[in-house]
Amino acid sequence: MRDVTSLRSRPSVRRLAGTVALALLLLLSGCGGSEQIAGHAEAGMEQGEVGAQDFLSPSPPSRLRIPALGVDSGTFVGLGLKPDNTMEVPEGAQAVGWYVESPTPGERGPSVLAAHVDWKNQKGVFFELRNLEVGDDVIVDRSDGTSIRFEVDEVEQYPKDEFPTEKVYGDTEGAELRLITCGGEFDQSAASYRDNVVAYATMVETAE
C-alpha cells in the first residue's frame, strides 16, 4: 500500500482489464475479516453538470461519502500489485483502497475503489454496499480540492469464480466509478465470503 497523493503513469484501462484478472483473486477473496458479522448528509455541492467529454485531470481521491449508507471516510490508501501479481488489500475496517493502476475519479474510465465488508469483527466501510440503489449518490473528494458526484447505475452480486473482469475494469466512454467488496454467504472453512458486490456509478457533476 502507498500514499495516494503520489501518482505515476498508468496503463490504458484496456490493458488494465487484462492485468488485473489474476490480481483480483486476492482482493476479492480477502476483503472480509476472519469472522462473519451477523446482519447486515447529503453533501452540498455547487451545481455543475458534466457532459460526456468533461473529464478532469488526474488527482487521487481523499474522501468518500455515500449519504444513503451513512458512509463518510477520509482514510484512503493506494493499492498496487504484489510481486506475485496479486492485488494489495486495504488494512483496517475504515480504510478505502484506490487501485493506483485505474484512473483517478473524474478521469475517463472506471476508477476502482475497494473496502472491506467487515474486518476483524468490525463493520467495514462497505458493510452495506449491497443496499445501495440505482440513483443513489456517491461523492468523492479529490486531493486537488474538487468534489465529484457520481450516480449509481447498477449494483450486482457475483460468485467469485464468475467475476466479470472486463465489465468492471474495461474501458468506458465516460468517467465512472466502481465500488467493490465481498458479499454472499461466509465460508467458514476458507474464512472468506463466496461472492463479491460491485456498485457501478457515473459522474454527473463536479464542484470546487
N, C-alpha and C. Protein backbone atom coordinates (compact mmCIF):
# COMPACT_ATOMS: atom_id res chain seq x y z
N MET A 1 0.84 -1.20 0.00
CA MET A 1 0.00 0.00 0.00
C MET A 1 0.87 1.24 0.00
N ARG A 2 0.30 2.34 -0.47
CA ARG A 2 1.11 3.54 -0.59
C ARG A 2 0.26 4.78 -0.39
N ASP A 3 0.94 5.91 -0.28
CA ASP A 3 0.29 7.20 -0.16
C ASP A 3 -0.39 7.52 -1.48
N VAL A 4 -1.70 7.78 -1.45
CA VAL A 4 -2.41 8.02 -2.70
C VAL A 4 -2.06 9.37 -3.32
N THR A 5 -1.36 10.22 -2.60
CA THR A 5 -1.00 11.52 -3.19
C THR A 5 0.14 11.40 -4.18
N SER A 6 0.82 10.24 -4.21
CA SER A 6 1.90 10.05 -5.18
C SER A 6 1.35 9.33 -6.39
N LEU A 7 1.45 9.96 -7.55
CA LEU A 7 0.92 9.41 -8.79
C LEU A 7 2.04 8.97 -9.69
N ARG A 8 1.77 7.97 -10.50
CA ARG A 8 2.69 7.60 -11.55
C ARG A 8 1.88 7.28 -12.79
N SER A 9 2.55 7.17 -13.92
CA SER A 9 1.82 6.94 -15.15
C SER A 9 1.12 5.59 -15.11
N ARG A 10 -0.06 5.53 -15.72
CA ARG A 10 -0.87 4.32 -15.71
C ARG A 10 -0.97 3.73 -17.11
N PRO A 11 -1.21 2.40 -17.20
CA PRO A 11 -1.51 1.82 -18.50
C PRO A 11 -2.92 2.18 -18.91
N SER A 12 -3.27 1.95 -20.15
CA SER A 12 -4.65 2.18 -20.58
C SER A 12 -5.56 1.24 -19.83
N VAL A 13 -6.86 1.63 -19.69
CA VAL A 13 -7.77 0.78 -18.95
C VAL A 13 -8.06 -0.50 -19.70
N ARG A 14 -7.86 -0.54 -21.01
CA ARG A 14 -8.00 -1.79 -21.74
C ARG A 14 -6.94 -2.78 -21.28
N ARG A 15 -5.70 -2.30 -21.17
CA ARG A 15 -4.64 -3.15 -20.69
C ARG A 15 -4.86 -3.50 -19.23
N LEU A 16 -5.42 -2.55 -18.48
CA LEU A 16 -5.72 -2.77 -17.08
C LEU A 16 -6.63 -3.96 -16.90
N ALA A 17 -7.65 -4.10 -17.74
CA ALA A 17 -8.62 -5.18 -17.58
C ALA A 17 -7.95 -6.53 -17.63
N GLY A 18 -6.96 -6.69 -18.51
CA GLY A 18 -6.26 -7.96 -18.60
C GLY A 18 -5.30 -8.15 -17.45
N THR A 19 -4.64 -7.09 -17.04
CA THR A 19 -3.63 -7.17 -15.98
C THR A 19 -4.22 -7.63 -14.66
N VAL A 20 -5.43 -7.18 -14.34
CA VAL A 20 -5.97 -7.47 -13.02
C VAL A 20 -6.75 -8.76 -12.94
N ALA A 21 -6.87 -9.51 -14.02
CA ALA A 21 -7.66 -10.73 -13.98
C ALA A 21 -7.20 -11.66 -12.86
N LEU A 22 -5.88 -11.84 -12.74
CA LEU A 22 -5.34 -12.66 -11.66
C LEU A 22 -5.27 -11.86 -10.37
N ALA A 23 -4.96 -10.59 -10.49
CA ALA A 23 -4.79 -9.76 -9.29
C ALA A 23 -6.06 -9.69 -8.46
N LEU A 24 -7.22 -9.82 -9.10
CA LEU A 24 -8.48 -9.74 -8.39
C LEU A 24 -8.63 -10.84 -7.35
N LEU A 25 -7.95 -11.96 -7.55
CA LEU A 25 -8.16 -13.11 -6.69
C LEU A 25 -7.93 -12.78 -5.23
N LEU A 26 -6.84 -12.08 -4.94
CA LEU A 26 -6.57 -11.76 -3.54
C LEU A 26 -7.50 -10.67 -3.04
N LEU A 27 -7.66 -9.63 -3.83
CA LEU A 27 -8.51 -8.52 -3.41
C LEU A 27 -9.92 -9.00 -3.10
N LEU A 28 -10.46 -9.82 -4.00
CA LEU A 28 -11.86 -10.19 -3.90
C LEU A 28 -12.10 -11.37 -2.98
N SER A 29 -11.06 -12.10 -2.64
CA SER A 29 -11.24 -13.18 -1.67
C SER A 29 -10.82 -12.73 -0.28
N GLY A 30 -10.05 -11.64 -0.20
CA GLY A 30 -9.53 -11.21 1.09
C GLY A 30 -10.22 -10.02 1.67
N CYS A 31 -11.35 -9.58 1.12
CA CYS A 31 -11.94 -8.34 1.61
C CYS A 31 -12.83 -8.54 2.82
N GLY A 32 -12.98 -9.75 3.31
CA GLY A 32 -13.72 -9.97 4.53
C GLY A 32 -12.78 -10.21 5.69
N GLY A 33 -13.28 -10.10 6.91
CA GLY A 33 -12.46 -10.39 8.07
C GLY A 33 -12.40 -11.88 8.32
N SER A 34 -11.80 -12.27 9.44
CA SER A 34 -11.66 -13.69 9.73
C SER A 34 -12.96 -14.30 10.24
N GLU A 35 -13.90 -13.47 10.64
CA GLU A 35 -15.19 -13.96 11.09
C GLU A 35 -16.29 -13.12 10.47
N GLN A 36 -17.46 -13.74 10.33
CA GLN A 36 -18.60 -13.03 9.76
C GLN A 36 -19.32 -12.24 10.84
N ILE A 37 -19.71 -11.04 10.51
CA ILE A 37 -20.54 -10.24 11.41
C ILE A 37 -21.99 -10.49 11.05
N ALA A 38 -22.80 -10.82 12.02
CA ALA A 38 -24.20 -11.14 11.73
C ALA A 38 -24.97 -9.88 11.34
N GLY A 39 -25.90 -10.06 10.40
CA GLY A 39 -26.75 -8.95 9.99
C GLY A 39 -26.06 -7.94 9.12
N HIS A 40 -26.66 -7.76 8.47
CA HIS A 40 -26.10 -6.75 7.58
C HIS A 40 -26.86 -5.31 7.74
N ALA A 41 -25.38 13.03 5.04
CA ALA A 41 -25.87 14.41 4.99
C ALA A 41 -25.60 14.97 3.61
N GLU A 42 -26.59 14.41 3.16
CA GLU A 42 -26.39 14.93 1.80
C GLU A 42 -25.35 16.03 1.82
N ALA A 43 -24.33 15.95 0.94
CA ALA A 43 -23.26 16.95 0.88
C ALA A 43 -23.65 18.07 -0.07
N GLY A 44 -23.42 19.32 0.33
CA GLY A 44 -23.73 20.44 -0.54
C GLY A 44 -22.68 20.60 -1.61
N MET A 45 -23.12 20.80 -2.87
CA MET A 45 -22.20 20.97 -3.98
C MET A 45 -22.72 22.06 -4.89
N GLU A 46 -21.80 22.81 -5.46
CA GLU A 46 -22.17 23.77 -6.48
C GLU A 46 -22.64 22.99 -7.70
N GLN A 47 -23.77 23.38 -8.27
CA GLN A 47 -24.27 22.69 -9.45
C GLN A 47 -23.33 22.89 -10.62
N GLY A 48 -22.98 21.80 -11.26
CA GLY A 48 -22.11 21.86 -12.42
C GLY A 48 -22.17 20.56 -13.16
N GLU A 49 -23.26 20.33 -13.90
CA GLU A 49 -23.43 19.08 -14.61
C GLU A 49 -22.32 18.92 -15.64
N VAL A 50 -21.92 17.67 -15.82
CA VAL A 50 -20.82 17.40 -16.74
C VAL A 50 -21.33 16.65 -17.96
N GLY A 51 -20.70 16.92 -19.08
CA GLY A 51 -21.01 16.22 -20.31
C GLY A 51 -20.10 15.03 -20.48
N ALA A 52 -20.34 14.27 -21.54
CA ALA A 52 -19.60 13.04 -21.76
C ALA A 52 -18.10 13.28 -21.90
N GLN A 53 -17.69 14.46 -22.41
CA GLN A 53 -16.28 14.71 -22.65
C GLN A 53 -15.63 15.59 -21.59
N ASP A 54 -16.36 15.93 -20.52
CA ASP A 54 -15.82 16.80 -19.49
C ASP A 54 -15.06 15.99 -18.44
N PHE A 55 -13.85 15.62 -18.78
CA PHE A 55 -13.04 14.82 -17.86
C PHE A 55 -12.10 15.72 -17.06
N LEU A 56 -11.70 15.26 -15.90
CA LEU A 56 -10.79 16.01 -15.05
C LEU A 56 -9.38 15.49 -15.19
N SER A 57 -8.43 16.34 -14.83
CA SER A 57 -7.03 15.91 -14.82
C SER A 57 -6.81 14.98 -13.63
N PRO A 58 -5.73 14.20 -13.62
CA PRO A 58 -5.50 13.24 -12.54
C PRO A 58 -5.37 13.90 -11.17
N SER A 59 -6.02 13.33 -10.18
CA SER A 59 -5.87 13.73 -8.78
C SER A 59 -6.44 12.62 -7.92
N PRO A 60 -5.67 12.10 -6.97
CA PRO A 60 -6.12 10.97 -6.16
C PRO A 60 -7.32 11.31 -5.28
N PRO A 61 -8.11 10.31 -4.91
CA PRO A 61 -9.24 10.53 -4.01
C PRO A 61 -8.76 10.75 -2.58
N SER A 62 -9.50 11.56 -1.84
CA SER A 62 -9.13 11.84 -0.45
C SER A 62 -10.28 11.60 0.54
N ARG A 63 -11.50 11.53 0.03
CA ARG A 63 -12.65 11.32 0.92
C ARG A 63 -13.78 10.69 0.12
N LEU A 64 -14.51 9.78 0.76
CA LEU A 64 -15.64 9.11 0.12
C LEU A 64 -16.87 9.26 0.99
N ARG A 65 -17.96 9.73 0.36
CA ARG A 65 -19.23 9.86 1.07
C ARG A 65 -20.33 9.15 0.29
N ILE A 66 -21.12 8.36 1.01
CA ILE A 66 -22.29 7.72 0.42
C ILE A 66 -23.45 8.01 1.35
N PRO A 67 -24.17 9.11 1.14
CA PRO A 67 -25.21 9.55 2.08
C PRO A 67 -26.25 8.49 2.39
N ALA A 68 -26.67 7.71 1.41
CA ALA A 68 -27.72 6.71 1.63
C ALA A 68 -27.30 5.63 2.62
N LEU A 69 -25.99 5.41 2.74
CA LEU A 69 -25.48 4.38 3.65
C LEU A 69 -24.82 4.96 4.89
N GLY A 70 -24.76 6.28 5.00
CA GLY A 70 -24.10 6.90 6.13
C GLY A 70 -22.59 6.75 6.11
N VAL A 71 -22.02 6.54 4.93
CA VAL A 71 -20.58 6.37 4.79
C VAL A 71 -19.90 7.72 4.63
N ASP A 72 -18.84 7.94 5.40
CA ASP A 72 -18.03 9.15 5.27
C ASP A 72 -16.62 8.78 5.74
N SER A 73 -15.75 8.48 4.80
CA SER A 73 -14.40 8.03 5.13
C SER A 73 -13.36 8.91 4.45
N GLY A 74 -12.41 9.37 5.25
CA GLY A 74 -11.29 10.13 4.71
C GLY A 74 -9.99 9.36 4.81
N THR A 75 -10.10 8.05 5.03
CA THR A 75 -8.91 7.20 5.13
C THR A 75 -8.72 6.46 3.81
N PHE A 76 -7.82 6.97 2.98
CA PHE A 76 -7.56 6.36 1.67
C PHE A 76 -6.15 5.81 1.62
N VAL A 77 -6.02 4.66 0.98
CA VAL A 77 -4.70 4.08 0.72
C VAL A 77 -4.65 3.68 -0.75
N GLY A 78 -3.45 3.72 -1.31
CA GLY A 78 -3.26 3.28 -2.68
C GLY A 78 -2.99 1.79 -2.71
N LEU A 79 -3.65 1.08 -3.61
CA LEU A 79 -3.47 -0.35 -3.76
C LEU A 79 -2.72 -0.65 -5.04
N GLY A 80 -1.64 -1.39 -4.92
CA GLY A 80 -0.88 -1.80 -6.09
C GLY A 80 -0.90 -3.31 -6.23
N LEU A 81 0.08 -3.84 -6.93
CA LEU A 81 0.21 -5.28 -7.10
C LEU A 81 1.42 -5.78 -6.33
N LYS A 82 1.28 -6.95 -5.75
CA LYS A 82 2.39 -7.61 -5.08
C LYS A 82 3.27 -8.31 -6.12
N PRO A 83 4.47 -8.75 -5.73
CA PRO A 83 5.35 -9.44 -6.68
C PRO A 83 4.72 -10.66 -7.34
N ASP A 84 3.76 -11.31 -6.66
CA ASP A 84 3.11 -12.48 -7.25
C ASP A 84 1.92 -12.10 -8.12
N ASN A 85 1.79 -10.80 -8.42
CA ASN A 85 0.74 -10.28 -9.30
C ASN A 85 -0.65 -10.33 -8.66
N THR A 86 -0.70 -10.41 -7.35
CA THR A 86 -1.98 -10.28 -6.65
C THR A 86 -2.09 -8.87 -6.09
N MET A 87 -3.30 -8.42 -5.95
CA MET A 87 -3.52 -7.04 -5.53
C MET A 87 -3.44 -6.90 -4.02
N GLU A 88 -2.90 -5.79 -3.59
CA GLU A 88 -2.91 -5.46 -2.17
C GLU A 88 -4.35 -5.21 -1.71
N VAL A 89 -4.57 -5.33 -0.42
CA VAL A 89 -5.88 -5.04 0.15
C VAL A 89 -5.72 -3.97 1.23
N PRO A 90 -6.75 -3.15 1.44
CA PRO A 90 -6.64 -2.11 2.47
C PRO A 90 -6.58 -2.73 3.86
N GLU A 91 -5.85 -2.11 4.75
CA GLU A 91 -5.74 -2.56 6.13
C GLU A 91 -6.71 -1.77 6.99
N GLY A 92 -7.57 -2.46 7.71
CA GLY A 92 -8.47 -1.80 8.64
C GLY A 92 -9.89 -1.68 8.12
N ALA A 93 -10.83 -1.62 9.06
CA ALA A 93 -12.25 -1.59 8.72
C ALA A 93 -12.67 -0.31 8.01
N GLN A 94 -12.02 0.81 8.31
CA GLN A 94 -12.46 2.10 7.78
C GLN A 94 -11.63 2.59 6.60
N ALA A 95 -10.67 1.82 6.17
CA ALA A 95 -9.84 2.24 5.04
C ALA A 95 -10.51 1.93 3.71
N VAL A 96 -10.36 2.86 2.78
CA VAL A 96 -10.81 2.66 1.40
C VAL A 96 -9.58 2.61 0.51
N GLY A 97 -9.51 1.61 -0.32
CA GLY A 97 -8.36 1.48 -1.21
C GLY A 97 -8.69 1.92 -2.62
N TRP A 98 -7.82 2.73 -3.19
CA TRP A 98 -7.94 3.10 -4.61
C TRP A 98 -6.88 2.33 -5.36
N TYR A 99 -7.29 1.58 -6.39
CA TYR A 99 -6.33 0.83 -7.19
C TYR A 99 -5.58 1.80 -8.09
N VAL A 100 -4.27 1.96 -7.85
CA VAL A 100 -3.50 3.03 -8.47
C VAL A 100 -3.27 2.84 -9.97
N GLU A 101 -3.55 1.65 -10.49
CA GLU A 101 -3.44 1.45 -11.93
C GLU A 101 -4.74 1.78 -12.65
N SER A 102 -5.76 2.17 -11.90
CA SER A 102 -7.01 2.62 -12.51
C SER A 102 -7.02 4.14 -12.57
N PRO A 103 -7.90 4.74 -13.38
CA PRO A 103 -7.97 6.20 -13.43
C PRO A 103 -8.30 6.79 -12.05
N THR A 104 -7.89 8.02 -11.83
CA THR A 104 -8.37 8.70 -10.64
C THR A 104 -9.81 9.13 -10.90
N PRO A 105 -10.62 9.30 -9.85
CA PRO A 105 -12.01 9.70 -10.05
C PRO A 105 -12.11 10.98 -10.87
N GLY A 106 -12.94 10.96 -11.90
CA GLY A 106 -13.11 12.11 -12.77
C GLY A 106 -12.38 12.02 -14.08
N GLU A 107 -11.37 11.15 -14.16
CA GLU A 107 -10.74 10.88 -15.44
C GLU A 107 -11.64 9.93 -16.24
N ARG A 108 -11.38 9.85 -17.53
CA ARG A 108 -12.12 8.90 -18.34
C ARG A 108 -11.78 7.47 -17.90
N GLY A 109 -12.80 6.63 -17.83
CA GLY A 109 -12.60 5.24 -17.47
C GLY A 109 -13.11 4.94 -16.07
N PRO A 110 -13.02 3.67 -15.66
CA PRO A 110 -13.54 3.26 -14.35
C PRO A 110 -12.50 3.39 -13.24
N SER A 111 -12.73 4.29 -12.31
CA SER A 111 -11.88 4.40 -11.13
C SER A 111 -12.34 3.36 -10.12
N VAL A 112 -11.40 2.59 -9.60
CA VAL A 112 -11.75 1.43 -8.78
C VAL A 112 -11.43 1.68 -7.30
N LEU A 113 -12.47 1.58 -6.46
CA LEU A 113 -12.33 1.72 -5.02
C LEU A 113 -12.78 0.43 -4.36
N ALA A 114 -12.01 -0.05 -3.40
CA ALA A 114 -12.35 -1.29 -2.70
C ALA A 114 -12.24 -1.09 -1.20
N ALA A 115 -13.12 -1.75 -0.46
CA ALA A 115 -13.08 -1.68 1.00
C ALA A 115 -13.69 -2.96 1.56
N HIS A 116 -13.47 -3.16 2.83
CA HIS A 116 -13.95 -4.39 3.47
C HIS A 116 -15.43 -4.30 3.82
N VAL A 117 -16.09 -5.45 3.75
CA VAL A 117 -17.45 -5.56 4.29
C VAL A 117 -17.37 -5.69 5.81
N ASP A 118 -16.35 -6.39 6.28
CA ASP A 118 -16.02 -6.43 7.71
C ASP A 118 -14.54 -6.74 7.86
N TRP A 119 -14.03 -6.44 9.05
CA TRP A 119 -12.59 -6.61 9.29
C TRP A 119 -12.38 -6.86 10.77
N LYS A 120 -11.93 -8.07 11.10
CA LYS A 120 -11.63 -8.43 12.49
C LYS A 120 -12.77 -8.05 13.44
N ASN A 121 -13.95 -8.56 13.11
CA ASN A 121 -15.15 -8.37 13.93
C ASN A 121 -15.68 -6.94 13.96
N GLN A 122 -15.24 -6.10 13.05
CA GLN A 122 -15.77 -4.74 12.93
C GLN A 122 -16.46 -4.59 11.57
N LYS A 123 -17.51 -3.80 11.55
CA LYS A 123 -18.16 -3.49 10.29
C LYS A 123 -17.21 -2.66 9.43
N GLY A 124 -17.11 -3.01 8.16
CA GLY A 124 -16.26 -2.28 7.25
C GLY A 124 -16.99 -1.12 6.59
N VAL A 125 -16.24 -0.29 5.89
CA VAL A 125 -16.82 0.86 5.19
C VAL A 125 -17.94 0.42 4.24
N PHE A 126 -17.74 -0.72 3.58
CA PHE A 126 -18.72 -1.19 2.60
C PHE A 126 -19.62 -2.28 3.16
N PHE A 127 -19.87 -2.25 4.45
CA PHE A 127 -20.72 -3.26 5.09
C PHE A 127 -22.11 -3.31 4.46
N GLU A 128 -22.64 -2.17 4.07
CA GLU A 128 -23.99 -2.12 3.50
C GLU A 128 -23.98 -1.79 2.01
N LEU A 129 -22.88 -2.03 1.34
CA LEU A 129 -22.79 -1.67 -0.08
C LEU A 129 -23.89 -2.32 -0.90
N ARG A 130 -24.25 -3.54 -0.57
CA ARG A 130 -25.27 -4.25 -1.34
C ARG A 130 -26.63 -3.56 -1.28
N ASN A 131 -26.83 -2.68 -0.28
CA ASN A 131 -28.11 -1.99 -0.13
C ASN A 131 -28.21 -0.69 -0.91
N LEU A 132 -27.13 -0.32 -1.61
CA LEU A 132 -27.21 0.85 -2.49
C LEU A 132 -28.29 0.62 -3.55
N GLU A 133 -28.91 1.70 -3.99
CA GLU A 133 -29.95 1.61 -5.00
C GLU A 133 -29.60 2.50 -6.19
N VAL A 134 -30.16 2.15 -7.33
CA VAL A 134 -29.96 2.96 -8.53
C VAL A 134 -30.43 4.39 -8.25
N GLY A 135 -29.59 5.36 -8.61
CA GLY A 135 -29.91 6.76 -8.38
C GLY A 135 -29.28 7.33 -7.12
N ASP A 136 -28.77 6.49 -6.23
CA ASP A 136 -28.10 6.99 -5.03
C ASP A 136 -26.82 7.74 -5.41
N ASP A 137 -26.45 8.70 -4.57
CA ASP A 137 -25.25 9.50 -4.80
C ASP A 137 -24.02 8.87 -4.14
N VAL A 138 -22.90 8.99 -4.82
CA VAL A 138 -21.59 8.66 -4.26
C VAL A 138 -20.71 9.88 -4.52
N ILE A 139 -20.19 10.49 -3.47
CA ILE A 139 -19.42 11.73 -3.60
C ILE A 139 -17.96 11.46 -3.26
N VAL A 140 -17.10 11.81 -4.17
CA VAL A 140 -15.66 11.62 -3.98
C VAL A 140 -14.97 12.97 -3.99
N ASP A 141 -14.27 13.29 -2.90
CA ASP A 141 -13.41 14.47 -2.86
C ASP A 141 -12.02 14.06 -3.32
N ARG A 142 -11.34 14.97 -4.02
CA ARG A 142 -10.02 14.67 -4.55
C ARG A 142 -8.97 15.55 -3.89
N SER A 143 -7.73 15.15 -4.04
CA SER A 143 -6.64 15.88 -3.39
C SER A 143 -6.46 17.29 -3.92
N ASP A 144 -6.96 17.56 -5.14
CA ASP A 144 -6.84 18.90 -5.71
C ASP A 144 -7.96 19.84 -5.27
N GLY A 145 -8.84 19.37 -4.37
CA GLY A 145 -9.90 20.21 -3.85
C GLY A 145 -11.22 20.09 -4.57
N THR A 146 -11.27 19.35 -5.66
CA THR A 146 -12.53 19.17 -6.37
C THR A 146 -13.35 18.04 -5.74
N SER A 147 -14.66 18.16 -5.89
CA SER A 147 -15.58 17.11 -5.45
C SER A 147 -16.38 16.64 -6.66
N ILE A 148 -16.65 15.36 -6.69
CA ILE A 148 -17.40 14.79 -7.81
C ILE A 148 -18.59 14.02 -7.26
N ARG A 149 -19.75 14.25 -7.87
CA ARG A 149 -20.93 13.45 -7.53
C ARG A 149 -21.14 12.41 -8.62
N PHE A 150 -21.11 11.17 -8.20
CA PHE A 150 -21.44 10.06 -9.08
C PHE A 150 -22.84 9.57 -8.75
N GLU A 151 -23.52 9.03 -9.73
CA GLU A 151 -24.85 8.46 -9.51
C GLU A 151 -24.80 6.97 -9.80
N VAL A 152 -25.34 6.19 -8.87
CA VAL A 152 -25.31 4.74 -9.01
C VAL A 152 -26.20 4.29 -10.17
N ASP A 153 -25.63 3.48 -11.05
CA ASP A 153 -26.35 2.95 -12.20
C ASP A 153 -26.82 1.52 -11.97
N GLU A 154 -26.06 0.79 -11.16
CA GLU A 154 -26.30 -0.65 -11.06
C GLU A 154 -25.55 -1.18 -9.84
N VAL A 155 -26.15 -2.14 -9.17
CA VAL A 155 -25.48 -2.85 -8.07
C VAL A 155 -25.69 -4.34 -8.31
N GLU A 156 -24.59 -5.08 -8.38
CA GLU A 156 -24.66 -6.51 -8.71
C GLU A 156 -23.87 -7.33 -7.71
N GLN A 157 -24.27 -8.59 -7.57
CA GLN A 157 -23.54 -9.54 -6.73
C GLN A 157 -23.15 -10.74 -7.59
N TYR A 158 -21.87 -11.11 -7.54
CA TYR A 158 -21.35 -12.17 -8.39
C TYR A 158 -20.63 -13.23 -7.57
N PRO A 159 -20.79 -14.52 -7.92
CA PRO A 159 -19.90 -15.53 -7.35
C PRO A 159 -18.47 -15.20 -7.74
N LYS A 160 -17.54 -15.44 -6.85
CA LYS A 160 -16.16 -15.02 -7.12
C LYS A 160 -15.57 -15.68 -8.36
N ASP A 161 -16.02 -16.90 -8.68
CA ASP A 161 -15.47 -17.56 -9.86
C ASP A 161 -16.16 -17.13 -11.14
N GLU A 162 -17.11 -16.18 -11.03
CA GLU A 162 -17.79 -15.64 -12.21
C GLU A 162 -17.65 -14.12 -12.27
N PHE A 163 -16.61 -13.60 -11.64
CA PHE A 163 -16.44 -12.15 -11.60
C PHE A 163 -16.22 -11.59 -13.00
N PRO A 164 -17.01 -10.57 -13.41
CA PRO A 164 -16.93 -10.02 -14.77
C PRO A 164 -15.81 -8.98 -14.92
N THR A 165 -14.59 -9.45 -15.05
CA THR A 165 -13.42 -8.56 -15.06
C THR A 165 -13.53 -7.46 -16.10
N GLU A 166 -13.92 -7.81 -17.31
CA GLU A 166 -13.98 -6.81 -18.38
C GLU A 166 -15.05 -5.76 -18.10
N LYS A 167 -16.20 -6.17 -17.59
CA LYS A 167 -17.27 -5.22 -17.30
C LYS A 167 -16.85 -4.24 -16.20
N VAL A 168 -16.14 -4.75 -15.21
CA VAL A 168 -15.74 -3.91 -14.08
C VAL A 168 -14.56 -3.01 -14.44
N TYR A 169 -13.57 -3.57 -15.13
CA TYR A 169 -12.32 -2.86 -15.36
C TYR A 169 -12.13 -2.36 -16.79
N GLY A 170 -12.99 -2.78 -17.71
CA GLY A 170 -12.81 -2.40 -19.10
C GLY A 170 -13.05 -0.92 -19.36
N ASP A 171 -12.58 -0.45 -20.49
CA ASP A 171 -12.68 0.96 -20.86
C ASP A 171 -14.13 1.42 -20.92
N THR A 172 -14.36 2.69 -20.64
CA THR A 172 -15.69 3.29 -20.72
C THR A 172 -15.60 4.62 -21.44
N GLU A 173 -16.70 5.07 -21.97
CA GLU A 173 -16.73 6.36 -22.67
C GLU A 173 -16.66 7.53 -21.71
N GLY A 174 -17.22 7.35 -20.52
CA GLY A 174 -17.26 8.44 -19.56
C GLY A 174 -16.41 8.18 -18.34
N ALA A 175 -16.50 9.11 -17.38
CA ALA A 175 -15.82 8.96 -16.09
C ALA A 175 -16.74 8.16 -15.17
N GLU A 176 -16.30 6.99 -14.77
CA GLU A 176 -17.13 6.11 -13.97
C GLU A 176 -16.41 5.68 -12.70
N LEU A 177 -17.17 5.02 -11.84
CA LEU A 177 -16.66 4.58 -10.55
C LEU A 177 -17.10 3.15 -10.31
N ARG A 178 -16.22 2.36 -9.70
CA ARG A 178 -16.55 1.01 -9.28
C ARG A 178 -16.26 0.88 -7.79
N LEU A 179 -17.24 0.43 -7.04
CA LEU A 179 -17.08 0.17 -5.61
C LEU A 179 -17.18 -1.34 -5.42
N ILE A 180 -16.17 -1.94 -4.79
CA ILE A 180 -16.11 -3.40 -4.71
C ILE A 180 -15.90 -3.86 -3.28
N THR A 181 -16.65 -4.90 -2.89
CA THR A 181 -16.44 -5.54 -1.60
C THR A 181 -16.88 -6.99 -1.69
N CYS A 182 -16.84 -7.68 -0.56
CA CYS A 182 -17.29 -9.07 -0.50
C CYS A 182 -18.77 -9.13 -0.16
N GLY A 183 -19.38 -10.29 -0.40
CA GLY A 183 -20.79 -10.47 -0.10
C GLY A 183 -21.17 -11.93 -0.14
N GLY A 184 -22.47 -12.18 0.00
CA GLY A 184 -22.96 -13.54 -0.04
C GLY A 184 -22.70 -14.28 1.25
N GLU A 185 -22.74 -15.61 1.17
CA GLU A 185 -22.53 -16.44 2.35
C GLU A 185 -21.06 -16.45 2.75
N PHE A 186 -20.84 -16.63 4.03
CA PHE A 186 -19.48 -16.70 4.55
C PHE A 186 -19.04 -18.15 4.64
N ASP A 187 -17.93 -18.45 4.01
CA ASP A 187 -17.36 -19.80 4.01
C ASP A 187 -16.40 -19.92 5.19
N GLN A 188 -16.84 -20.60 6.23
CA GLN A 188 -16.02 -20.70 7.44
C GLN A 188 -14.70 -21.42 7.17
N SER A 189 -14.73 -22.44 6.33
CA SER A 189 -13.51 -23.21 6.07
C SER A 189 -12.46 -22.38 5.35
N ALA A 190 -12.92 -21.48 4.47
CA ALA A 190 -12.00 -20.63 3.71
C ALA A 190 -11.80 -19.27 4.36
N ALA A 191 -12.59 -18.99 5.42
CA ALA A 191 -12.55 -17.68 6.10
C ALA A 191 -12.73 -16.55 5.10
N SER A 192 -13.71 -16.72 4.22
CA SER A 192 -13.94 -15.73 3.17
C SER A 192 -15.39 -15.81 2.71
N TYR A 193 -15.87 -14.69 2.18
CA TYR A 193 -17.20 -14.67 1.58
C TYR A 193 -17.15 -15.30 0.19
N ARG A 194 -18.28 -15.85 -0.24
CA ARG A 194 -18.33 -16.57 -1.51
C ARG A 194 -18.51 -15.65 -2.71
N ASP A 195 -19.08 -14.47 -2.49
CA ASP A 195 -19.43 -13.58 -3.60
C ASP A 195 -18.72 -12.24 -3.48
N ASN A 196 -18.92 -11.43 -4.50
CA ASN A 196 -18.49 -10.03 -4.49
C ASN A 196 -19.66 -9.14 -4.85
N VAL A 197 -19.71 -7.99 -4.25
CA VAL A 197 -20.71 -6.96 -4.57
C VAL A 197 -19.99 -5.84 -5.29
N VAL A 198 -20.56 -5.41 -6.41
CA VAL A 198 -19.98 -4.32 -7.20
C VAL A 198 -21.05 -3.28 -7.48
N ALA A 199 -20.76 -2.03 -7.13
CA ALA A 199 -21.63 -0.92 -7.49
C ALA A 199 -20.99 -0.14 -8.62
N TYR A 200 -21.77 0.14 -9.66
CA TYR A 200 -21.32 0.89 -10.82
C TYR A 200 -21.94 2.28 -10.76
N ALA A 201 -21.14 3.31 -10.97
CA ALA A 201 -21.66 4.68 -10.90
C ALA A 201 -21.02 5.55 -11.98
N THR A 202 -21.74 6.59 -12.38
CA THR A 202 -21.29 7.50 -13.44
C THR A 202 -21.22 8.93 -12.91
N MET A 203 -20.18 9.66 -13.28
CA MET A 203 -20.02 11.05 -12.86
C MET A 203 -21.13 11.92 -13.46
N VAL A 204 -21.78 12.72 -12.62
CA VAL A 204 -22.85 13.59 -13.10
C VAL A 204 -22.59 15.07 -12.85
N GLU A 205 -21.77 15.41 -11.84
CA GLU A 205 -21.45 16.82 -11.64
C GLU A 205 -20.20 16.96 -10.78
N THR A 206 -19.59 18.14 -10.90
CA THR A 206 -18.37 18.43 -10.15
C THR A 206 -18.52 19.76 -9.42
N ALA A 207 -17.68 19.96 -8.43
CA ALA A 207 -17.65 21.22 -7.70
C ALA A 207 -16.24 21.45 -7.19
N GLU A 208 -15.90 22.73 -6.94
CA GLU A 208 -14.60 23.07 -6.39
C GLU A 208 -14.76 23.67 -5.01
